[in-house]
Amino acid sequence: MSGYSIGIDTGGTYTDAVLMESATGKVIAWHKERTTHHDLSVGVGQALAGLLKQSVQPSEVSRLSVSTTLATNAVVEGRGARVGLFVLGYVRHFKLPVVANIFVKGGHTITGDEDEPLDIETLIDTIPGLAKEVDSYAVCGAMSIKNPAHELVTQEAIKMIDGGKPVFCSHLVSEHPGMLERSATACLHAKLMPLMVDFLASIQRSMLGVGLECPVTIICGNGQGEPLDTIADQAAVTMASGPAATARFGAGDSVSTALVVDVGGTTTDVCLLKDGEPLLNKEGCVIGQWRTHVEAVDMYTAGAGGDSHLICVDGHPELKKTRVQPLAMTLDLPDPATWLQLGLDEQLVVPVPGLDPDIVVADPILRFLAENGPCSPSLIGEKTSVGGIVLEKRLERLMFLQQLVLVGFTPTDALHALGHIDIGNKEASRAGAAVLAKTLGISVEEFCQQVIEVTEDAIETILLKYLGRTVWQGDQSTPFLNRRDNELFSVKFALKVPLIGIGAAARSFLPGIAKRLGTTVQFPEYCEVGNAIGAALIGENKTN
């Protein structure tokens, strides 16, 4: 191999890029930019431009390899396309977090024989009612892995009645018999496809902007790479893309057993190395509440990171799984004293700049924000008559469409307020901390320290849940871990394996967690952009 390769990792908070010598794997340069969710190509383009202006010409780059946690983050946060699921056959009813779970008679037996005729009438009557409520469809038929006929008929019926929307049949995305996992896998493909199409388009626009014309490899959750032009129709295989890159970087030259921990802005990803190699879960990964048949590195991902939304419950700080934009990273932030109220308004709604005026005029919330600037949800509800659950769902939809962002207090703000980091506006963070601390009757320093401790608790629980799954079956350890510190007793754990820290927030939280767990933590060189390096290394292996 000759020339250079580039690795990019697009996360919920940062987009990282590294330039490596293809022959040696030596890192020549690296660059970090905030992820621009309203237009991903902006952040990716800035990261690429930052690399290339330092070192080489675009013509010298032989490959671009990309990992992303966007799909993982969307699953953990409950975002993505609105999905309608059709389940065909006599099966025990189950619930997945989609717009509609519809059970229809049909399906096949284990031998591939028809169990019961497909209820076409119910199918045709149901689809029109879903047309305005969903963005895509998933179809899972009993034993369709033996005979997909009913899934294919359902797919054609959907296309005839609600054409133009993607339909994912389970027999194309899973070879395993479990109906719940097969349905979840099909649903996730349907849920994530629009996100992935947008992301892939942003990569192509970014490359065009800096003059790159090299092949592109997208990193999949199993640690393998796939060409860019084949990945959109199998979006769910990228669910563990970021963790796969994490594992590859964490393995490095290690020959030991260690726990690799990537602390990002939105999630914390954990995987175990044994003899220097990540474990592979061929049965399917588990992300949040979704059990899938997607082959991936054996890992655990949960919502807890530097940009997790901090709220207060019963007078104590608590982290939500959802990501918000930190006060420190928000331009022209209104004084938090005018909108930040515990238990009422703990976030600020901020319109994305540069929206099409026709889009703004057509939506009452966007129109109100355009006229009045960033506002609290309660003020929006009061002035637009869109309140309660309707407002919550509408804000969620506008976020999915990248037309607004939510701003709130985060662990990143606590670190800024204490002076531990300085990458944004620490005065904004301190102003927000002052409002929240006053409400709780404590000092700013005490409040921010509580936020850091709560964040460390959340990340520690993620580590222990992952390790508990390797000792006990499934999530049997979860109730115990969630109550390990209660009014009657307290349980402390000691790990027998060291931690390897990766990610921008790792240095801020993992030393304290390692001390609690009686172990050590090491931060490899370039750990702040470790996933981008892991992506580049996987991409180079693809070319061998």
Protein backbone atom coordinates (compact mmCIF):
# COMPACT_ATOMS: atom_id res chain seq x y z
CA MET A 1 0.00 0.00 0.00
CA SER A 2 1.14 3.52 -0.70
CA GLY A 3 -0.08 7.00 0.09
CA TYR A 4 -2.41 7.93 2.91
CA SER A 5 -5.74 6.92 4.35
CA ILE A 6 -8.28 8.94 6.32
CA GLY A 7 -10.49 7.72 9.14
CA ILE A 8 -13.58 9.65 10.20
CA ASP A 9 -15.87 9.05 13.15
CA THR A 10 -19.10 11.05 13.31
CA GLY A 11 -20.58 10.96 16.78
CA GLY A 12 -23.46 12.73 18.44
CA THR A 13 -21.18 15.50 19.69
CA TYR A 14 -17.93 15.50 17.72
CA THR A 15 -16.76 14.52 14.25
CA ASP A 16 -13.16 13.30 14.41
CA ALA A 17 -10.77 12.80 11.52
CA VAL A 18 -7.26 11.31 11.33
CA LEU A 19 -4.71 11.08 8.53
CA MET A 20 -2.55 7.95 8.50
CA GLU A 21 0.25 6.53 6.42
CA SER A 22 -1.28 3.53 4.71
CA ALA A 23 1.88 1.44 4.84
CA THR A 24 2.81 2.03 8.49
CA GLY A 25 -0.41 3.07 10.25
CA LYS A 26 1.40 6.12 11.60
CA VAL A 27 -0.88 9.04 12.51
CA ILE A 28 0.23 12.11 10.58
CA ALA A 29 -2.47 14.55 11.70
CA TRP A 30 -5.84 14.65 13.43
CA HIS A 31 -8.68 17.14 13.66
CA LYS A 32 -11.86 17.44 15.75
CA GLU A 33 -15.03 19.41 14.93
CA ARG A 34 -18.47 19.67 16.54
CA THR A 35 -21.00 17.46 14.72
CA THR A 36 -23.40 19.68 12.78
CA HIS A 37 -26.67 17.76 12.99
CA HIS A 38 -28.66 20.16 10.81
CA ASP A 39 -26.19 19.48 7.97
CA LEU A 40 -23.70 16.71 8.69
CA SER A 41 -21.61 17.63 5.65
CA VAL A 42 -20.57 20.88 7.34
CA GLY A 43 -18.85 19.20 10.28
CA VAL A 44 -17.43 16.38 8.15
CA GLY A 45 -16.19 18.87 5.54
CA GLN A 46 -14.54 21.04 8.19
CA ALA A 47 -12.82 18.00 9.69
CA LEU A 48 -11.53 16.88 6.28
CA ALA A 49 -10.39 20.38 5.36
CA GLY A 50 -8.61 20.69 8.69
CA LEU A 51 -6.67 17.51 7.97
CA LEU A 52 -5.74 18.20 4.37
CA LYS A 53 -4.60 21.77 4.84
CA GLN A 54 -2.07 20.56 7.40
CA SER A 55 -0.44 17.80 5.46
CA VAL A 56 -1.22 16.25 2.05
CA GLN A 57 -3.02 16.75 -1.23
CA PRO A 58 -6.40 15.05 -1.83
CA SER A 59 -4.89 13.02 -4.69
CA GLU A 60 -2.50 11.34 -2.23
CA VAL A 61 -5.37 9.83 -0.20
CA SER A 62 -6.14 6.26 -1.27
CA ARG A 63 -9.10 5.47 1.04
CA LEU A 64 -11.62 7.12 3.34
CA SER A 65 -13.08 4.93 6.11
CA VAL A 66 -16.03 6.10 8.17
CA SER A 67 -17.51 4.96 11.47
CA THR A 68 -20.48 6.58 13.12
CA THR A 69 -22.53 6.38 16.30
CA LEU A 70 -25.44 8.28 14.75
CA ALA A 71 -27.49 5.08 14.34
CA THR A 72 -26.63 3.88 17.84
CA ASN A 73 -27.46 7.28 19.33
CA ALA A 74 -30.78 7.41 17.48
CA VAL A 75 -31.76 4.01 18.93
CA VAL A 76 -30.73 4.91 22.47
CA GLU A 77 -32.49 8.28 22.34
CA GLY A 78 -35.61 6.90 20.66
CA ARG A 79 -35.17 8.97 17.50
CA GLY A 80 -35.29 7.99 13.84
CA ALA A 81 -37.98 7.43 11.25
CA ARG A 82 -41.55 6.62 12.30
CA VAL A 83 -42.07 2.91 11.63
CA GLY A 84 -45.17 0.80 11.14
CA LEU A 85 -44.64 -2.91 11.86
CA PHE A 86 -46.78 -5.72 10.40
CA VAL A 87 -46.42 -9.10 12.15
CA LEU A 88 -47.89 -12.01 10.20
CA GLY A 89 -49.01 -15.25 11.85
CA TYR A 90 -50.13 -16.73 15.14
CA VAL A 91 -47.44 -15.50 17.50
CA ARG A 92 -47.40 -14.21 21.03
CA HIS A 93 -48.02 -10.47 20.88
CA PHE A 94 -45.12 -8.22 21.73
CA LYS A 95 -44.45 -4.51 21.73
CA LEU A 96 -41.66 -2.59 20.05
CA PRO A 97 -41.16 1.19 20.35
CA VAL A 98 -42.57 2.03 16.92
CA VAL A 99 -45.64 3.99 15.79
CA ALA A 100 -47.77 0.87 15.31
CA ASN A 101 -47.47 -2.89 15.98
CA ILE A 102 -50.11 -4.60 13.81
CA PHE A 103 -50.69 -8.35 14.04
CA VAL A 104 -52.31 -9.98 11.00
CA LYS A 105 -53.33 -13.59 10.36
CA GLY A 106 -50.96 -15.51 8.11
CA GLY A 107 -47.49 -16.98 8.39
CA HIS A 108 -45.88 -20.33 7.73
CA THR A 109 -44.81 -23.45 9.60
CA ILE A 110 -41.28 -24.63 10.27
CA THR A 111 -41.47 -26.71 7.07
CA GLY A 112 -42.41 -23.67 4.98
CA ASP A 113 -46.04 -24.69 4.52
CA GLU A 114 -48.72 -22.02 4.85
CA ASP A 115 -50.04 -22.00 8.42
CA GLU A 116 -53.05 -19.84 7.58
CA PRO A 117 -53.93 -17.66 4.57
CA LEU A 118 -52.74 -14.08 4.78
CA ASP A 119 -55.52 -11.73 5.88
CA ILE A 120 -55.31 -9.42 2.87
CA GLU A 121 -58.52 -7.60 3.77
CA THR A 122 -57.22 -6.43 7.17
CA LEU A 123 -53.92 -5.49 5.58
CA ILE A 124 -55.51 -3.33 2.89
CA ASP A 125 -57.88 -1.69 5.38
CA THR A 126 -55.04 -0.81 7.77
CA ILE A 127 -52.39 0.68 5.47
CA PRO A 128 -54.27 3.90 4.49
CA GLY A 129 -54.66 4.82 8.15
CA LEU A 130 -50.90 4.58 8.65
CA ALA A 131 -49.87 6.51 5.55
CA LYS A 132 -49.70 9.92 7.25
CA GLU A 133 -48.28 8.53 10.49
CA VAL A 134 -45.21 6.57 9.37
CA ASP A 135 -42.10 7.16 7.28
CA SER A 136 -41.28 3.50 6.60
CA TYR A 137 -42.53 -0.04 7.18
CA ALA A 138 -41.21 -3.32 8.59
CA VAL A 139 -42.75 -6.74 7.92
CA CYS A 140 -42.11 -9.93 9.87
CA GLY A 141 -43.89 -13.19 9.08
CA ALA A 142 -43.86 -16.38 11.11
CA MET A 143 -41.13 -18.65 9.68
CA SER A 144 -40.58 -16.35 6.72
CA ILE A 145 -36.99 -17.60 6.76
CA LYS A 146 -38.47 -20.83 5.36
CA ASN A 147 -41.05 -19.22 3.09
CA PRO A 148 -41.17 -15.42 2.59
CA ALA A 149 -44.31 -15.42 0.43
CA HIS A 150 -46.56 -13.57 2.89
CA GLU A 151 -43.90 -10.95 3.60
CA LEU A 152 -43.50 -10.33 -0.12
CA VAL A 153 -47.25 -10.02 -0.67
CA THR A 154 -47.48 -7.57 2.24
CA GLN A 155 -44.60 -5.57 0.79
CA GLU A 156 -46.37 -5.28 -2.56
CA ALA A 157 -49.63 -4.24 -0.87
CA ILE A 158 -47.83 -1.46 1.00
CA LYS A 159 -46.14 -0.25 -2.19
CA MET A 160 -49.47 -0.16 -4.04
CA ILE A 161 -51.27 1.82 -1.32
CA ASP A 162 -48.48 3.92 0.20
CA GLY A 163 -45.83 3.82 -2.51
CA GLY A 164 -42.54 5.62 -2.21
CA LYS A 165 -41.82 4.63 1.37
CA PRO A 166 -39.20 1.95 2.17
CA VAL A 167 -40.39 -1.50 3.27
CA PHE A 168 -38.06 -3.90 5.10
CA CYS A 169 -38.92 -7.61 5.17
CA SER A 170 -37.40 -9.62 8.00
CA HIS A 171 -36.29 -12.57 5.82
CA LEU A 172 -33.84 -10.22 4.07
CA VAL A 173 -32.23 -8.93 7.27
CA SER A 174 -32.16 -12.00 9.54
CA GLU A 175 -31.73 -15.76 9.17
CA HIS A 176 -32.75 -16.57 12.75
CA PRO A 177 -36.22 -17.80 13.84
CA GLY A 178 -36.91 -15.52 16.85
CA MET A 179 -39.89 -13.34 15.92
CA LEU A 180 -39.20 -10.53 18.40
CA GLU A 181 -35.54 -10.17 17.44
CA ARG A 182 -36.30 -10.54 13.73
CA SER A 183 -39.03 -7.90 13.97
CA ALA A 184 -36.70 -5.59 15.90
CA THR A 185 -33.99 -6.02 13.28
CA ALA A 186 -36.39 -5.19 10.42
CA CYS A 187 -37.77 -2.22 12.38
CA LEU A 188 -34.32 -0.82 13.01
CA HIS A 189 -33.44 -1.01 9.32
CA ALA A 190 -36.65 0.91 8.61
CA LYS A 191 -36.05 3.36 11.45
CA LEU A 192 -32.45 4.14 10.54
CA MET A 193 -32.49 4.16 6.74
CA PRO A 194 -33.38 7.88 6.37
CA LEU A 195 -30.64 8.82 8.83
CA MET A 196 -28.11 6.70 6.97
CA VAL A 197 -29.12 8.01 3.54
CA ASP A 198 -28.64 11.57 4.82
CA PHE A 199 -25.32 10.68 6.42
CA LEU A 200 -23.95 8.98 3.31
CA ALA A 201 -25.00 11.94 1.18
CA SER A 202 -23.19 14.25 3.59
CA ILE A 203 -19.99 12.21 3.20
CA GLN A 204 -20.19 12.54 -0.58
CA ARG A 205 -20.84 16.30 -0.39
CA SER A 206 -17.94 16.74 2.01
CA MET A 207 -15.57 14.83 -0.24
CA LEU A 208 -16.62 16.90 -3.21
CA GLY A 209 -15.97 20.08 -1.24
CA VAL A 210 -12.34 19.20 -0.49
CA GLY A 211 -11.58 17.40 -3.76
CA LEU A 212 -11.38 13.82 -2.47
CA GLU A 213 -12.16 11.10 -5.02
CA CYS A 214 -10.96 7.95 -3.23
CA PRO A 215 -13.05 4.83 -2.40
CA VAL A 216 -15.15 5.02 0.77
CA THR A 217 -15.57 2.23 3.33
CA ILE A 218 -18.34 2.33 5.94
CA ILE A 219 -17.54 0.46 9.15
CA CYS A 220 -20.14 -2.11 10.24
CA GLY A 221 -20.85 -3.34 13.75
CA ASN A 222 -19.06 -6.64 13.19
CA GLY A 223 -15.76 -4.84 12.59
CA GLN A 224 -15.87 -5.28 8.82
CA GLY A 225 -16.12 -2.61 6.13
CA GLU A 226 -18.63 -2.23 3.32
CA PRO A 227 -18.57 0.09 0.28
CA LEU A 228 -20.56 3.29 0.68
CA ASP A 229 -22.92 2.53 -2.21
CA THR A 230 -24.20 -0.73 -0.67
CA ILE A 231 -24.88 0.32 2.91
CA ALA A 232 -28.06 2.44 2.76
CA ASP A 233 -30.42 -0.54 2.35
CA GLN A 234 -28.90 -2.29 5.37
CA ALA A 235 -28.66 0.65 7.74
CA ALA A 236 -28.96 -1.41 10.94
CA VAL A 237 -25.59 -3.08 10.33
CA THR A 238 -24.02 0.26 11.26
CA MET A 239 -25.65 0.26 14.70
CA ALA A 240 -22.42 -0.80 16.39
CA SER A 241 -20.16 0.95 13.88
CA GLY A 242 -18.68 3.28 16.49
CA PRO A 243 -18.11 0.52 19.07
CA ALA A 244 -16.46 -1.65 16.38
CA ALA A 245 -14.00 1.15 15.69
CA THR A 246 -13.59 1.62 19.45
CA ALA A 247 -12.70 -2.05 19.85
CA ARG A 248 -10.22 -1.97 16.97
CA PHE A 249 -8.40 1.04 18.37
CA GLY A 250 -8.53 -0.26 21.95
CA ALA A 251 -7.02 -3.58 20.87
CA GLY A 252 -3.97 -1.87 19.34
CA ASP A 253 -0.94 -3.99 20.17
CA SER A 254 -2.52 -5.25 23.39
CA VAL A 255 -2.29 -8.94 24.26
CA SER A 256 -4.21 -8.63 27.52
CA THR A 257 -7.76 -8.70 28.78
CA ALA A 258 -9.18 -5.22 29.27
CA LEU A 259 -12.42 -3.26 29.22
CA VAL A 260 -12.51 -0.64 26.46
CA VAL A 261 -14.71 2.31 27.41
CA ASP A 262 -15.65 5.04 24.94
CA VAL A 263 -17.21 8.01 26.75
CA GLY A 264 -18.82 10.22 24.14
CA GLY A 265 -21.20 13.12 24.28
CA THR A 266 -24.35 11.02 23.86
CA THR A 267 -23.52 7.46 24.90
CA THR A 268 -20.94 5.32 26.65
CA ASP A 269 -19.90 2.23 24.68
CA VAL A 270 -18.21 -0.73 26.39
CA CYS A 271 -16.57 -3.83 24.96
CA LEU A 272 -14.28 -6.52 26.37
CA LEU A 273 -10.93 -7.49 24.93
CA LYS A 274 -9.66 -11.01 25.53
CA ASP A 275 -6.08 -11.72 24.52
CA GLY A 276 -6.08 -8.42 22.68
CA GLU A 277 -9.12 -9.22 20.51
CA PRO A 278 -12.70 -7.95 20.83
CA LEU A 279 -15.41 -10.57 21.31
CA LEU A 280 -17.95 -10.98 18.51
CA ASN A 281 -21.65 -11.58 19.22
CA LYS A 282 -22.89 -13.51 16.21
CA GLU A 283 -26.37 -13.98 17.68
CA GLY A 284 -27.04 -10.25 17.58
CA CYS A 285 -26.24 -7.11 19.54
CA VAL A 286 -28.40 -5.46 22.18
CA ILE A 287 -28.70 -1.67 22.08
CA GLY A 288 -30.92 -0.03 24.66
CA GLN A 289 -34.20 -1.97 24.73
CA TRP A 290 -33.68 -3.46 21.26
CA ARG A 291 -32.56 -7.09 20.96
CA THR A 292 -31.50 -7.70 17.38
CA HIS A 293 -30.04 -10.26 15.01
CA VAL A 294 -27.38 -7.81 13.83
CA GLU A 295 -23.92 -9.38 14.06
CA ALA A 296 -21.64 -7.04 15.97
CA VAL A 297 -18.80 -6.83 18.43
CA ASP A 298 -20.00 -7.92 21.85
CA MET A 299 -20.65 -4.57 23.46
CA TYR A 300 -23.10 -2.57 25.50
CA THR A 301 -24.26 0.95 24.69
CA ALA A 302 -26.35 3.19 26.90
CA GLY A 303 -27.23 6.86 27.10
CA ALA A 304 -24.76 8.62 29.40
CA GLY A 305 -22.12 11.07 28.26
CA GLY A 306 -20.82 14.59 28.36
CA ASP A 307 -23.92 16.04 26.67
CA SER A 308 -26.58 14.03 28.50
CA HIS A 309 -29.42 16.23 29.72
CA LEU A 310 -29.21 17.00 33.43
CA ILE A 311 -32.50 17.39 35.27
CA CYS A 312 -33.37 17.35 38.98
CA VAL A 313 -35.64 14.78 40.59
CA ASP A 314 -36.59 15.03 44.28
CA GLY A 315 -33.92 17.64 44.84
CA HIS A 316 -31.07 15.67 43.29
CA PRO A 317 -29.36 15.86 39.86
CA GLU A 318 -30.24 13.04 37.48
CA LEU A 319 -29.11 12.23 33.93
CA LYS A 320 -31.57 11.57 31.13
CA LYS A 321 -30.67 9.33 28.18
CA THR A 322 -31.31 12.11 25.69
CA ARG A 323 -28.61 14.43 24.43
CA VAL A 324 -29.00 18.20 24.46
CA GLN A 325 -26.66 20.93 23.30
CA PRO A 326 -24.62 22.23 26.26
CA LEU A 327 -24.99 25.83 27.34
CA ALA A 328 -21.25 26.23 26.80
CA MET A 329 -21.57 25.30 23.12
CA THR A 330 -24.58 27.49 22.28
CA LEU A 331 -24.03 30.83 20.54
CA ASP A 332 -26.04 33.87 21.65
CA LEU A 333 -27.49 31.98 24.61
CA PRO A 334 -30.21 33.92 26.49
CA ASP A 335 -29.50 34.41 30.18
CA PRO A 336 -30.36 31.03 31.82
CA ALA A 337 -32.05 32.92 34.66
CA THR A 338 -34.80 33.89 32.18
CA TRP A 339 -35.73 30.35 31.13
CA LEU A 340 -34.00 27.60 33.15
CA GLN A 341 -36.45 26.36 35.79
CA LEU A 342 -36.22 23.03 37.55
CA GLY A 343 -39.30 20.87 37.15
CA LEU A 344 -40.79 23.16 34.48
CA ASP A 345 -38.40 24.39 31.79
CA GLU A 346 -35.11 22.53 31.90
CA GLN A 347 -34.33 23.05 28.25
CA LEU A 348 -34.38 25.78 25.62
CA VAL A 349 -35.75 25.36 22.09
CA VAL A 350 -33.39 26.89 19.52
CA PRO A 351 -34.18 27.10 15.78
CA VAL A 352 -31.57 25.89 13.31
CA PRO A 353 -30.23 28.82 11.26
CA GLY A 354 -30.77 28.99 7.51
CA LEU A 355 -34.07 27.10 7.28
CA ASP A 356 -36.15 27.46 4.13
CA PRO A 357 -38.62 30.34 4.77
CA ASP A 358 -41.48 28.26 3.35
CA ILE A 359 -40.80 25.54 5.95
CA VAL A 360 -40.73 28.12 8.74
CA VAL A 361 -44.00 29.79 7.69
CA ALA A 362 -45.79 26.45 7.43
CA ASP A 363 -45.03 25.38 11.03
CA PRO A 364 -46.45 27.33 14.00
CA ILE A 365 -43.55 26.44 16.31
CA LEU A 366 -40.84 27.35 13.81
CA ARG A 367 -42.73 30.52 12.93
CA PHE A 368 -42.95 31.52 16.59
CA LEU A 369 -39.22 30.86 17.13
CA ALA A 370 -38.34 32.88 14.02
CA GLU A 371 -40.30 35.84 15.40
CA ASN A 372 -39.24 35.56 19.06
CA GLY A 373 -35.89 33.73 19.11
CA PRO A 374 -35.02 30.79 21.41
CA CYS A 375 -37.79 30.07 23.91
CA SER A 376 -38.71 27.65 26.65
CA PRO A 377 -41.24 24.86 25.88
CA SER A 378 -43.77 26.34 28.32
CA LEU A 379 -43.69 29.73 26.59
CA ILE A 380 -44.08 28.06 23.19
CA GLY A 381 -47.08 26.12 24.50
CA GLU A 382 -48.61 29.26 26.00
CA LYS A 383 -48.22 31.39 22.88
CA THR A 384 -48.96 28.82 20.15
CA SER A 385 -51.70 26.78 21.83
CA VAL A 386 -49.64 23.66 21.10
CA GLY A 387 -48.95 22.11 24.47
CA GLY A 388 -48.62 18.93 26.49
CA ILE A 389 -47.88 15.67 24.71
CA VAL A 390 -48.70 17.24 21.33
CA LEU A 391 -45.92 19.81 21.83
CA GLU A 392 -43.50 17.14 23.04
CA LYS A 393 -44.14 14.99 19.99
CA ARG A 394 -43.94 17.99 17.67
CA LEU A 395 -40.59 19.07 19.11
CA GLU A 396 -39.32 15.51 18.75
CA ARG A 397 -40.40 15.49 15.10
CA LEU A 398 -38.73 18.84 14.36
CA MET A 399 -35.54 17.57 15.97
CA PHE A 400 -35.63 14.49 13.73
CA LEU A 401 -36.03 16.78 10.73
CA GLN A 402 -32.99 18.78 11.99
CA GLN A 403 -35.03 21.97 12.14
CA LEU A 404 -34.39 22.78 15.79
CA VAL A 405 -32.12 21.79 18.67
CA LEU A 406 -32.73 21.53 22.39
CA VAL A 407 -30.30 23.21 24.77
CA GLY A 408 -29.90 22.25 28.42
CA PHE A 409 -27.47 21.87 31.29
CA THR A 410 -25.07 18.93 30.87
CA PRO A 411 -22.02 17.31 32.52
CA THR A 412 -19.97 19.23 29.93
CA ASP A 413 -21.34 22.42 31.50
CA ALA A 414 -20.44 21.22 34.99
CA LEU A 415 -16.86 20.60 33.85
CA HIS A 416 -16.74 24.08 32.29
CA ALA A 417 -18.17 25.74 35.40
CA LEU A 418 -15.51 24.06 37.57
CA GLY A 419 -12.74 25.05 35.17
CA HIS A 420 -11.84 21.43 34.34
CA ILE A 421 -12.20 21.98 30.59
CA ASP A 422 -12.21 25.07 28.40
CA ILE A 423 -13.59 24.34 24.95
CA GLY A 424 -16.67 26.55 25.09
CA ASN A 425 -18.24 29.44 26.95
CA LYS A 426 -17.64 28.65 30.61
CA GLU A 427 -19.50 31.79 31.72
CA ALA A 428 -22.71 30.43 30.16
CA SER A 429 -22.18 27.12 31.98
CA ARG A 430 -21.54 28.86 35.27
CA ALA A 431 -24.65 31.03 34.84
CA GLY A 432 -26.77 27.92 34.29
CA ALA A 433 -25.15 26.16 37.24
CA ALA A 434 -25.90 29.17 39.43
CA VAL A 435 -29.60 29.02 38.57
CA LEU A 436 -29.87 25.30 39.32
CA ALA A 437 -27.68 25.43 42.43
CA LYS A 438 -29.76 28.26 43.90
CA THR A 439 -32.94 26.24 43.38
CA LEU A 440 -31.38 23.37 45.37
CA GLY A 441 -29.96 25.69 48.01
CA ILE A 442 -26.31 24.75 47.46
CA SER A 443 -23.20 26.38 46.01
CA VAL A 444 -22.28 26.25 42.32
CA GLU A 445 -19.22 24.14 43.14
CA GLU A 446 -21.22 21.66 45.19
CA PHE A 447 -23.90 21.37 42.51
CA CYS A 448 -21.37 20.79 39.70
CA GLN A 449 -19.53 18.20 41.78
CA GLN A 450 -22.83 16.38 42.30
CA VAL A 451 -23.38 16.41 38.51
CA ILE A 452 -19.96 14.84 37.95
CA GLU A 453 -20.64 12.18 40.60
CA VAL A 454 -24.03 11.37 39.05
CA THR A 455 -22.36 11.03 35.63
CA GLU A 456 -19.69 8.75 37.06
CA ASP A 457 -22.43 6.68 38.73
CA ALA A 458 -24.23 6.29 35.40
CA ILE A 459 -21.08 5.27 33.52
CA GLU A 460 -20.05 2.89 36.32
CA THR A 461 -23.46 1.22 36.12
CA ILE A 462 -23.05 0.78 32.36
CA LEU A 463 -19.70 -0.98 32.91
CA LEU A 464 -21.13 -3.26 35.58
CA LYS A 465 -24.24 -4.10 33.55
CA TYR A 466 -22.05 -5.13 30.63
CA LEU A 467 -19.83 -7.30 32.80
CA GLY A 468 -22.89 -8.69 34.57
CA ARG A 469 -24.22 -9.91 31.22
CA THR A 470 -21.07 -11.98 30.75
CA VAL A 471 -21.59 -13.68 34.14
CA TRP A 472 -25.39 -13.90 34.35
CA GLN A 473 -27.87 -14.42 31.56
CA GLY A 474 -29.34 -11.38 29.85
CA ASP A 475 -30.10 -8.49 32.17
CA GLN A 476 -30.56 -10.50 35.37
CA SER A 477 -28.04 -8.31 37.17
CA THR A 478 -29.79 -5.02 36.31
CA PRO A 479 -32.28 -4.84 39.25
CA PHE A 480 -29.49 -5.64 41.69
CA LEU A 481 -27.08 -3.10 40.22
CA ASN A 482 -29.73 -0.40 40.19
CA ARG A 483 -30.30 -0.92 43.93
CA ARG A 484 -26.75 -1.64 45.05
CA ASP A 485 -26.81 1.47 47.24
CA ASN A 486 -30.00 1.65 49.30
CA GLU A 487 -31.28 2.43 52.77
CA LEU A 488 -30.24 -0.98 54.17
CA PHE A 489 -26.90 -1.80 52.56
CA SER A 490 -24.27 -0.68 50.08
CA VAL A 491 -22.35 -2.95 47.71
CA LYS A 492 -19.00 -2.07 46.18
CA PHE A 493 -17.32 -3.85 43.27
CA ALA A 494 -13.69 -4.39 42.36
CA LEU A 495 -12.76 -5.14 38.74
CA LYS A 496 -10.07 -7.64 37.86
CA VAL A 497 -9.44 -6.03 34.47
CA PRO A 498 -8.03 -2.58 33.61
CA LEU A 499 -9.91 0.09 31.69
CA ILE A 500 -8.83 1.58 28.37
CA GLY A 501 -10.30 5.04 27.92
CA ILE A 502 -11.37 6.49 24.58
CA GLY A 503 -13.27 9.63 23.66
CA ALA A 504 -13.25 13.33 24.40
CA ALA A 505 -14.90 12.97 27.83
CA ALA A 506 -12.99 9.87 28.99
CA ARG A 507 -10.21 11.72 30.82
CA SER A 508 -12.79 13.71 32.79
CA PHE A 509 -14.77 10.76 34.18
CA LEU A 510 -12.87 7.46 33.96
CA PRO A 511 -10.09 8.13 36.53
CA GLY A 512 -12.70 8.57 39.27
CA ILE A 513 -14.60 5.48 38.12
CA ALA A 514 -11.41 3.39 37.99
CA LYS A 515 -10.61 4.46 41.57
CA ARG A 516 -14.10 3.46 42.73
CA LEU A 517 -13.78 0.05 41.08
CA GLY A 518 -10.28 -0.62 42.38
CA THR A 519 -8.69 -0.84 38.97
CA THR A 520 -6.54 1.25 36.65
CA VAL A 521 -7.25 3.21 33.49
CA GLN A 522 -4.92 3.97 30.63
CA PHE A 523 -5.38 6.46 27.81
CA PRO A 524 -3.55 5.40 24.62
CA GLU A 525 -1.96 8.06 22.46
CA TYR A 526 -4.60 9.84 20.36
CA CYS A 527 -7.39 8.34 22.49
CA GLU A 528 -9.44 11.52 21.93
CA VAL A 529 -9.85 10.48 18.28
CA GLY A 530 -9.54 6.72 18.84
CA ASN A 531 -12.67 5.77 16.87
CA ALA A 532 -11.42 7.60 13.77
CA ILE A 533 -8.13 5.69 14.04
CA GLY A 534 -10.01 2.42 14.50
CA ALA A 535 -12.07 3.17 11.39
CA ALA A 536 -8.94 3.85 9.34
CA LEU A 537 -7.31 0.62 10.54
CA ILE A 538 -10.40 -1.44 9.65
CA GLY A 539 -10.55 0.23 6.25
CA GLU A 540 -6.93 -0.60 5.52
CA ASN A 541 -7.53 -4.23 6.48
CA LYS A 542 -10.34 -4.24 3.91
CA THR A 543 -7.85 -3.49 1.15
CA ASN A 544 -5.44 -6.32 2.00
